[in-house]
All heavy atoms as atom14 arrays in JSON, in Angstrom:
{
  "sequence": "YGVSRPVVREAIFRLQADGLVHTRHGAGTYVAKRPRDEFLR",
  "atom14_mask": [
    [1, 1, 1, 1, 1, 1, 1, 1, 1, 1, 1, 1, 0, 0],
    [1, 1, 1, 1, 0, 0, 0, 0, 0, 0, 0, 0, 0, 0],
    [1, 1, 1, 1, 1, 1, 1, 0, 0, 0, 0, 0, 0, 0],
    [1, 1, 1, 1, 1, 1, 0, 0, 0, 0, 0, 0, 0, 0],
    [1, 1, 1, 1, 1, 1, 1, 1, 1, 1, 1, 0, 0, 0],
    [1, 1, 1, 1, 1, 1, 1, 0, 0, 0, 0, 0, 0, 0],
    [1, 1, 1, 1, 1, 1, 1, 0, 0, 0, 0, 0, 0, 0],
    [1, 1, 1, 1, 1, 1, 1, 0, 0, 0, 0, 0, 0, 0],
    [1, 1, 1, 1, 1, 1, 1, 1, 1, 1, 1, 0, 0, 0],
    [1, 1, 1, 1, 1, 1, 1, 1, 1, 0, 0, 0, 0, 0],
    [1, 1, 1, 1, 1, 0, 0, 0, 0, 0, 0, 0, 0, 0],
    [1, 1, 1, 1, 1, 1, 1, 1, 0, 0, 0, 0, 0, 0],
    [1, 1, 1, 1, 1, 1, 1, 1, 1, 1, 1, 0, 0, 0],
    [1, 1, 1, 1, 1, 1, 1, 1, 1, 1, 1, 0, 0, 0],
    [1, 1, 1, 1, 1, 1, 1, 1, 0, 0, 0, 0, 0, 0],
    [1, 1, 1, 1, 1, 1, 1, 1, 1, 0, 0, 0, 0, 0],
    [1, 1, 1, 1, 1, 0, 0, 0, 0, 0, 0, 0, 0, 0],
    [1, 1, 1, 1, 1, 1, 1, 1, 0, 0, 0, 0, 0, 0],
    [1, 1, 1, 1, 0, 0, 0, 0, 0, 0, 0, 0, 0, 0],
    [1, 1, 1, 1, 1, 1, 1, 1, 0, 0, 0, 0, 0, 0],
    [1, 1, 1, 1, 1, 1, 1, 0, 0, 0, 0, 0, 0, 0],
    [1, 1, 1, 1, 1, 1, 1, 1, 1, 1, 0, 0, 0, 0],
    [1, 1, 1, 1, 1, 1, 1, 0, 0, 0, 0, 0, 0, 0],
    [1, 1, 1, 1, 1, 1, 1, 1, 1, 1, 1, 0, 0, 0],
    [1, 1, 1, 1, 1, 1, 1, 1, 1, 1, 0, 0, 0, 0],
    [1, 1, 1, 1, 0, 0, 0, 0, 0, 0, 0, 0, 0, 0],
    [1, 1, 1, 1, 1, 0, 0, 0, 0, 0, 0, 0, 0, 0],
    [1, 1, 1, 1, 0, 0, 0, 0, 0, 0, 0, 0, 0, 0],
    [1, 1, 1, 1, 1, 1, 1, 0, 0, 0, 0, 0, 0, 0],
    [1, 1, 1, 1, 1, 1, 1, 1, 1, 1, 1, 1, 0, 0],
    [1, 1, 1, 1, 1, 1, 1, 0, 0, 0, 0, 0, 0, 0],
    [1, 1, 1, 1, 1, 0, 0, 0, 0, 0, 0, 0, 0, 0],
    [1, 1, 1, 1, 1, 1, 1, 1, 1, 0, 0, 0, 0, 0],
    [1, 1, 1, 1, 1, 1, 1, 1, 1, 1, 1, 0, 0, 0],
    [1, 1, 1, 1, 1, 1, 1, 0, 0, 0, 0, 0, 0, 0],
    [1, 1, 1, 1, 1, 1, 1, 1, 1, 1, 1, 0, 0, 0],
    [1, 1, 1, 1, 1, 1, 1, 1, 0, 0, 0, 0, 0, 0],
    [1, 1, 1, 1, 1, 1, 1, 1, 1, 0, 0, 0, 0, 0],
    [1, 1, 1, 1, 1, 1, 1, 1, 1, 1, 1, 0, 0, 0],
    [1, 1, 1, 1, 1, 1, 1, 1, 0, 0, 0, 0, 0, 0],
    [1, 1, 1, 1, 1, 1, 1, 1, 1, 1, 1, 0, 0, 0]
  ],
  "atom14_positions": [
    [[31.38, -44.05, 76.57], [31.41, -45.11, 75.57], [31.11, -46.5, 76.13], [31.03, -47.47, 75.37], [32.76, -45.12, 74.84], [32.94, -43.91, 73.95], [33.75, -42.86, 74.33], [32.3, -43.84, 72.73], [33.93, -41.75, 73.52], [32.47, -42.74, 71.89], [33.27, -41.7, 72.29], [33.45, -40.6, 71.48], [0.0, 0.0, 0.0], [0.0, 0.0, 0.0]],
    [[30.98, -46.62, 77.44], [30.69, -47.92, 78.01], [31.82, -48.92, 77.85], [31.58, -50.1, 77.57], [0.0, 0.0, 0.0], [0.0, 0.0, 0.0], [0.0, 0.0, 0.0], [0.0, 0.0, 0.0], [0.0, 0.0, 0.0], [0.0, 0.0, 0.0], [0.0, 0.0, 0.0], [0.0, 0.0, 0.0], [0.0, 0.0, 0.0], [0.0, 0.0, 0.0]],
    [[33.07, -48.44, 78.01], [34.24, -49.31, 77.88], [35.11, -49.21, 79.1], [34.91, -48.37, 79.96], [35.05, -48.94, 76.61], [34.27, -49.19, 75.34], [35.51, -47.47, 76.66], [0.0, 0.0, 0.0], [0.0, 0.0, 0.0], [0.0, 0.0, 0.0], [0.0, 0.0, 0.0], [0.0, 0.0, 0.0], [0.0, 0.0, 0.0], [0.0, 0.0, 0.0]],
    [[36.11, -50.1, 79.17], [37.0, -50.14, 80.33], [38.17, -49.16, 80.15], [38.44, -48.7, 79.04], [37.54, -51.56, 80.52], [38.36, -51.92, 79.42], [0.0, 0.0, 0.0], [0.0, 0.0, 0.0], [0.0, 0.0, 0.0], [0.0, 0.0, 0.0], [0.0, 0.0, 0.0], [0.0, 0.0, 0.0], [0.0, 0.0, 0.0], [0.0, 0.0, 0.0]],
    [[38.89, -48.93, 81.24], [40.07, -48.05, 81.18], [41.14, -48.59, 80.21], [41.76, -47.8, 79.5], [40.64, -47.84, 82.57], [39.85, -46.81, 83.4], [40.5, -46.6, 84.77], [39.72, -45.65, 85.56], [39.97, -44.34, 85.6], [40.98, -43.84, 84.91], [39.23, -43.54, 86.36], [0.0, 0.0, 0.0], [0.0, 0.0, 0.0], [0.0, 0.0, 0.0]],
    [[41.44, -49.92, 80.22], [42.44, -50.4, 79.25], [42.06, -50.1, 77.81], [42.95, -49.81, 76.98], [42.47, -51.92, 79.53], [42.08, -52.05, 80.97], [41.04, -51.0, 81.16], [0.0, 0.0, 0.0], [0.0, 0.0, 0.0], [0.0, 0.0, 0.0], [0.0, 0.0, 0.0], [0.0, 0.0, 0.0], [0.0, 0.0, 0.0], [0.0, 0.0, 0.0]],
    [[40.79, -50.17, 77.48], [40.33, -49.84, 76.12], [40.61, -48.38, 75.83], [41.14, -48.02, 74.75], [38.83, -50.17, 75.95], [38.28, -49.55, 74.66], [38.6, -51.66, 75.93], [0.0, 0.0, 0.0], [0.0, 0.0, 0.0], [0.0, 0.0, 0.0], [0.0, 0.0, 0.0], [0.0, 0.0, 0.0], [0.0, 0.0, 0.0], [0.0, 0.0, 0.0]],
    [[40.28, -47.49, 76.75], [40.51, -46.06, 76.58], [42.01, -45.79, 76.42], [42.43, -45.03, 75.55], [39.92, -45.27, 77.77], [40.4, -43.81, 77.72], [38.4, -45.33, 77.75], [0.0, 0.0, 0.0], [0.0, 0.0, 0.0], [0.0, 0.0, 0.0], [0.0, 0.0, 0.0], [0.0, 0.0, 0.0], [0.0, 0.0, 0.0], [0.0, 0.0, 0.0]],
    [[42.82, -46.41, 77.28], [44.26, -46.16, 77.22], [44.87, -46.6, 75.91], [45.74, -45.95, 75.35], [44.94, -46.84, 78.41], [44.65, -46.12, 79.74], [45.09, -46.94, 80.93], [44.72, -46.28, 82.17], [44.69, -46.86, 83.35], [45.04, -48.15, 83.47], [44.32, -46.19, 84.44], [0.0, 0.0, 0.0], [0.0, 0.0, 0.0], [0.0, 0.0, 0.0]],
    [[44.4, -47.76, 75.39], [44.92, -48.26, 74.12], [44.54, -47.3, 72.98], [45.36, -47.01, 72.11], [44.39, -49.64, 73.84], [44.99, -50.25, 72.58], [44.51, -51.68, 72.31], [43.93, -52.31, 73.21], [44.72, -52.14, 71.18], [0.0, 0.0, 0.0], [0.0, 0.0, 0.0], [0.0, 0.0, 0.0], [0.0, 0.0, 0.0], [0.0, 0.0, 0.0]],
    [[43.32, -46.82, 72.99], [42.88, -45.89, 71.94], [43.67, -44.58, 72.02], [44.1, -44.06, 70.97], [41.38, -45.59, 72.1], [0.0, 0.0, 0.0], [0.0, 0.0, 0.0], [0.0, 0.0, 0.0], [0.0, 0.0, 0.0], [0.0, 0.0, 0.0], [0.0, 0.0, 0.0], [0.0, 0.0, 0.0], [0.0, 0.0, 0.0], [0.0, 0.0, 0.0]],
    [[43.89, -44.07, 73.22], [44.66, -42.82, 73.39], [46.11, -43.04, 72.95], [46.71, -42.17, 72.27], [44.62, -42.34, 74.85], [43.2, -41.98, 75.27], [45.54, -41.14, 75.04], [42.54, -40.89, 74.45], [0.0, 0.0, 0.0], [0.0, 0.0, 0.0], [0.0, 0.0, 0.0], [0.0, 0.0, 0.0], [0.0, 0.0, 0.0], [0.0, 0.0, 0.0]],
    [[46.69, -44.19, 73.27], [48.04, -44.5, 72.82], [48.12, -44.48, 71.29], [49.07, -43.94, 70.72], [48.49, -45.86, 73.35], [49.84, -46.29, 72.83], [51.0, -45.81, 73.4], [49.94, -47.15, 71.76], [52.25, -46.19, 72.92], [51.18, -47.53, 71.25], [52.34, -47.04, 71.85], [0.0, 0.0, 0.0], [0.0, 0.0, 0.0], [0.0, 0.0, 0.0]],
    [[47.13, -45.05, 70.65], [47.1, -45.08, 69.2], [47.0, -43.67, 68.62], [47.68, -43.31, 67.66], [45.89, -45.92, 68.75], [45.62, -46.04, 67.29], [46.5, -47.07, 66.65], [47.68, -46.46, 66.01], [48.85, -47.0, 65.94], [49.11, -48.17, 66.5], [49.84, -46.39, 65.36], [0.0, 0.0, 0.0], [0.0, 0.0, 0.0], [0.0, 0.0, 0.0]],
    [[46.18, -42.84, 69.22], [46.05, -41.43, 68.79], [47.37, -40.68, 69.0], [47.75, -39.85, 68.16], [44.93, -40.75, 69.58], [43.5, -41.22, 69.28], [42.57, -40.8, 70.4], [43.02, -40.69, 67.93], [0.0, 0.0, 0.0], [0.0, 0.0, 0.0], [0.0, 0.0, 0.0], [0.0, 0.0, 0.0], [0.0, 0.0, 0.0], [0.0, 0.0, 0.0]],
    [[48.06, -40.96, 70.09], [49.35, -40.33, 70.36], [50.39, -40.77, 69.32], [51.15, -39.95, 68.78], [49.85, -40.68, 71.75], [49.07, -40.04, 72.89], [49.44, -40.58, 74.24], [49.87, -41.72, 74.38], [49.27, -39.77, 75.28], [0.0, 0.0, 0.0], [0.0, 0.0, 0.0], [0.0, 0.0, 0.0], [0.0, 0.0, 0.0], [0.0, 0.0, 0.0]],
    [[50.4, -42.07, 69.02], [51.37, -42.61, 68.05], [51.16, -41.98, 66.68], [52.14, -41.78, 65.94], [51.22, -44.13, 67.97], [0.0, 0.0, 0.0], [0.0, 0.0, 0.0], [0.0, 0.0, 0.0], [0.0, 0.0, 0.0], [0.0, 0.0, 0.0], [0.0, 0.0, 0.0], [0.0, 0.0, 0.0], [0.0, 0.0, 0.0], [0.0, 0.0, 0.0]],
    [[49.93, -41.63, 66.36], [49.64, -41.04, 65.06], [49.74, -39.51, 65.08], [49.46, -38.86, 64.05], [48.24, -41.45, 64.58], [48.17, -42.93, 64.24], [49.22, -43.53, 63.95], [47.06, -43.51, 64.27], [0.0, 0.0, 0.0], [0.0, 0.0, 0.0], [0.0, 0.0, 0.0], [0.0, 0.0, 0.0], [0.0, 0.0, 0.0], [0.0, 0.0, 0.0]],
    [[50.13, -38.95, 66.22], [50.33, -37.53, 66.31], [49.06, -36.69, 66.33], [49.1, -35.47, 66.14], [0.0, 0.0, 0.0], [0.0, 0.0, 0.0], [0.0, 0.0, 0.0], [0.0, 0.0, 0.0], [0.0, 0.0, 0.0], [0.0, 0.0, 0.0], [0.0, 0.0, 0.0], [0.0, 0.0, 0.0], [0.0, 0.0, 0.0], [0.0, 0.0, 0.0]],
    [[47.93, -37.33, 66.6], [46.68, -36.59, 66.6], [46.39, -35.93, 67.93], [45.65, -34.94, 68.02], [45.52, -37.55, 66.25], [45.51, -38.06, 64.81], [44.44, -39.1, 64.61], [45.35, -36.92, 63.83], [0.0, 0.0, 0.0], [0.0, 0.0, 0.0], [0.0, 0.0, 0.0], [0.0, 0.0, 0.0], [0.0, 0.0, 0.0], [0.0, 0.0, 0.0]],
    [[46.94, -36.49, 69.01], [46.78, -35.89, 70.33], [48.13, -35.9, 71.03], [49.04, -36.62, 70.65], [45.75, -36.65, 71.22], [44.39, -36.72, 70.53], [46.26, -38.05, 71.58], [0.0, 0.0, 0.0], [0.0, 0.0, 0.0], [0.0, 0.0, 0.0], [0.0, 0.0, 0.0], [0.0, 0.0, 0.0], [0.0, 0.0, 0.0], [0.0, 0.0, 0.0]],
    [[48.27, -35.03, 72.04], [49.47, -35.07, 72.87], [49.02, -34.91, 74.32], [48.01, -34.25, 74.61], [50.48, -33.98, 72.49], [49.94, -32.58, 72.62], [50.04, -31.84, 73.78], [49.28, -31.78, 71.74], [49.48, -30.68, 73.61], [49.0, -30.6, 72.38], [0.0, 0.0, 0.0], [0.0, 0.0, 0.0], [0.0, 0.0, 0.0], [0.0, 0.0, 0.0]],
    [[49.78, -35.54, 75.22], [49.43, -35.5, 76.64], [50.39, -34.6, 77.39], [51.61, -34.7, 77.24], [49.48, -36.93, 77.21], [48.54, -37.75, 76.52], [49.13, -36.92, 78.69], [0.0, 0.0, 0.0], [0.0, 0.0, 0.0], [0.0, 0.0, 0.0], [0.0, 0.0, 0.0], [0.0, 0.0, 0.0], [0.0, 0.0, 0.0], [0.0, 0.0, 0.0]],
    [[49.81, -33.69, 78.18], [50.62, -32.83, 79.03], [50.55, -33.42, 80.44], [49.47, -33.64, 80.97], [50.04, -31.41, 79.04], [49.97, -30.75, 77.67], [49.28, -29.4, 77.75], [48.98, -28.87, 76.44], [48.18, -27.84, 76.22], [47.6, -27.24, 77.26], [47.95, -27.41, 75.0], [0.0, 0.0, 0.0], [0.0, 0.0, 0.0], [0.0, 0.0, 0.0]],
    [[51.7, -33.69, 80.97], [51.77, -34.34, 82.29], [50.99, -33.55, 83.32], [51.22, -32.36, 83.54], [53.22, -34.49, 82.75], [53.38, -35.23, 84.03], [53.05, -36.58, 84.15], [53.8, -34.82, 85.25], [53.3, -36.94, 85.42], [53.74, -35.9, 86.09], [0.0, 0.0, 0.0], [0.0, 0.0, 0.0], [0.0, 0.0, 0.0], [0.0, 0.0, 0.0]],
    [[50.01, -34.23, 83.92], [49.19, -33.61, 84.95], [48.11, -32.69, 84.45], [47.34, -32.16, 85.26], [0.0, 0.0, 0.0], [0.0, 0.0, 0.0], [0.0, 0.0, 0.0], [0.0, 0.0, 0.0], [0.0, 0.0, 0.0], [0.0, 0.0, 0.0], [0.0, 0.0, 0.0], [0.0, 0.0, 0.0], [0.0, 0.0, 0.0], [0.0, 0.0, 0.0]],
    [[48.03, -32.5, 83.13], [47.04, -31.55, 82.59], [46.02, -32.22, 81.66], [45.0, -31.63, 81.36], [47.73, -30.42, 81.84], [0.0, 0.0, 0.0], [0.0, 0.0, 0.0], [0.0, 0.0, 0.0], [0.0, 0.0, 0.0], [0.0, 0.0, 0.0], [0.0, 0.0, 0.0], [0.0, 0.0, 0.0], [0.0, 0.0, 0.0], [0.0, 0.0, 0.0]],
    [[46.32, -33.45, 81.18], [45.37, -34.12, 80.32], [45.88, -34.3, 78.91], [47.03, -33.99, 78.6], [0.0, 0.0, 0.0], [0.0, 0.0, 0.0], [0.0, 0.0, 0.0], [0.0, 0.0, 0.0], [0.0, 0.0, 0.0], [0.0, 0.0, 0.0], [0.0, 0.0, 0.0], [0.0, 0.0, 0.0], [0.0, 0.0, 0.0], [0.0, 0.0, 0.0]],
    [[44.99, -34.79, 78.06], [45.31, -35.07, 76.67], [44.57, -34.11, 75.77], [43.36, -33.91, 75.92], [44.94, -36.53, 76.31], [45.7, -37.42, 77.16], [45.27, -36.84, 74.86], [0.0, 0.0, 0.0], [0.0, 0.0, 0.0], [0.0, 0.0, 0.0], [0.0, 0.0, 0.0], [0.0, 0.0, 0.0], [0.0, 0.0, 0.0], [0.0, 0.0, 0.0]],
    [[45.29, -33.51, 74.82], [44.73, -32.44, 73.97], [44.86, -32.81, 72.5], [45.79, -33.51, 72.07], [45.47, -31.13, 74.22], [45.27, -30.57, 75.61], [45.98, -31.1, 76.7], [44.33, -29.56, 75.85], [45.77, -30.62, 77.98], [44.13, -29.06, 77.13], [44.84, -29.59, 78.19], [44.63, -29.11, 79.47], [0.0, 0.0, 0.0], [0.0, 0.0, 0.0]],
    [[43.91, -32.32, 71.69], [43.94, -32.53, 70.25], [45.1, -31.73, 69.66], [45.2, -30.51, 69.87], [42.6, -32.1, 69.59], [42.68, -32.28, 68.07], [41.45, -32.92, 70.18], [0.0, 0.0, 0.0], [0.0, 0.0, 0.0], [0.0, 0.0, 0.0], [0.0, 0.0, 0.0], [0.0, 0.0, 0.0], [0.0, 0.0, 0.0], [0.0, 0.0, 0.0]],
    [[45.98, -32.41, 68.92], [47.17, -31.76, 68.34], [46.94, -31.27, 66.93], [47.48, -30.25, 66.52], [48.35, -32.72, 68.4], [0.0, 0.0, 0.0], [0.0, 0.0, 0.0], [0.0, 0.0, 0.0], [0.0, 0.0, 0.0], [0.0, 0.0, 0.0], [0.0, 0.0, 0.0], [0.0, 0.0, 0.0], [0.0, 0.0, 0.0], [0.0, 0.0, 0.0]],
    [[46.18, -32.02, 66.14], [45.93, -31.61, 64.77], [44.67, -32.24, 64.24], [44.19, -33.26, 64.77], [47.11, -31.96, 63.85], [47.37, -33.44, 63.68], [48.57, -33.67, 62.76], [48.89, -35.16, 62.62], [50.06, -35.4, 61.76], [0.0, 0.0, 0.0], [0.0, 0.0, 0.0], [0.0, 0.0, 0.0], [0.0, 0.0, 0.0], [0.0, 0.0, 0.0]],
    [[44.11, -31.64, 63.2], [42.85, -32.09, 62.6], [43.12, -32.55, 61.18], [43.46, -31.76, 60.32], [41.83, -30.94, 62.6], [40.52, -31.27, 61.9], [39.66, -30.02, 61.79], [38.41, -30.3, 61.08], [38.28, -30.28, 59.75], [39.34, -29.98, 59.0], [37.11, -30.53, 59.2], [0.0, 0.0, 0.0], [0.0, 0.0, 0.0], [0.0, 0.0, 0.0]],
    [[42.96, -33.86, 60.91], [43.1, -34.33, 59.51], [42.03, -33.72, 58.62], [41.01, -33.21, 59.09], [42.91, -35.86, 59.64], [43.19, -36.17, 61.08], [42.72, -34.96, 61.84], [0.0, 0.0, 0.0], [0.0, 0.0, 0.0], [0.0, 0.0, 0.0], [0.0, 0.0, 0.0], [0.0, 0.0, 0.0], [0.0, 0.0, 0.0], [0.0, 0.0, 0.0]],
    [[42.24, -33.8, 57.34], [41.3, -33.24, 56.38], [40.0, -34.06, 56.34], [39.99, -35.25, 56.63], [41.94, -33.2, 54.99], [43.08, -32.22, 54.88], [43.94, -32.47, 53.68], [43.2, -32.4, 52.44], [43.65, -32.89, 51.29], [44.83, -33.47, 51.23], [42.92, -32.77, 50.19], [0.0, 0.0, 0.0], [0.0, 0.0, 0.0], [0.0, 0.0, 0.0]],
    [[38.91, -33.38, 55.95], [37.6, -34.02, 55.89], [37.63, -35.28, 55.01], [36.95, -36.27, 55.3], [36.55, -33.06, 55.33], [36.31, -31.88, 56.25], [36.65, -32.0, 57.45], [35.79, -30.86, 55.8], [0.0, 0.0, 0.0], [0.0, 0.0, 0.0], [0.0, 0.0, 0.0], [0.0, 0.0, 0.0], [0.0, 0.0, 0.0], [0.0, 0.0, 0.0]],
    [[38.42, -35.24, 53.93], [38.45, -36.34, 52.98], [38.91, -37.64, 53.59], [38.64, -38.73, 53.07], [39.34, -36.0, 51.77], [38.81, -34.89, 50.89], [39.26, -33.51, 51.34], [39.71, -33.38, 52.5], [39.16, -32.57, 50.54], [0.0, 0.0, 0.0], [0.0, 0.0, 0.0], [0.0, 0.0, 0.0], [0.0, 0.0, 0.0], [0.0, 0.0, 0.0]],
    [[39.67, -37.54, 54.67], [40.18, -38.76, 55.31], [39.07, -39.7, 55.7], [39.14, -40.91, 55.46], [41.04, -38.41, 56.52], [41.56, -39.6, 57.29], [42.39, -40.51, 56.66], [41.22, -39.83, 58.61], [42.86, -41.63, 57.35], [41.67, -40.92, 59.3], [42.5, -41.84, 58.67], [0.0, 0.0, 0.0], [0.0, 0.0, 0.0], [0.0, 0.0, 0.0]],
    [[38.0, -39.16, 56.3], [36.89, -40.01, 56.72], [36.2, -40.65, 55.53], [35.71, -41.79, 55.6], [35.86, -39.19, 57.52], [36.23, -38.83, 58.96], [35.08, -38.1, 59.62], [36.61, -40.06, 59.77], [0.0, 0.0, 0.0], [0.0, 0.0, 0.0], [0.0, 0.0, 0.0], [0.0, 0.0, 0.0], [0.0, 0.0, 0.0], [0.0, 0.0, 0.0]],
    [[36.14, -39.94, 54.42], [35.47, -40.47, 53.22], [36.3, -41.59, 52.59], [35.76, -42.56, 52.08], [35.25, -39.35, 52.22], [34.63, -39.79, 50.89], [34.34, -38.62, 49.98], [35.53, -37.82, 49.69], [36.41, -38.11, 48.74], [36.25, -39.21, 48.0], [37.44, -37.35, 48.51], [0.0, 0.0, 0.0], [0.0, 0.0, 0.0], [0.0, 0.0, 0.0]]
  ]
}
């Protein structure tokens, strides 16, 4: 995406706060759930 690490970390934090991803210590960040298609619309 051509962005810095602080930008990435802030975005991931936001995704975690919304329950969309979860981070496994030492294993990475994984998608936790998929919102419905209508959300984007």
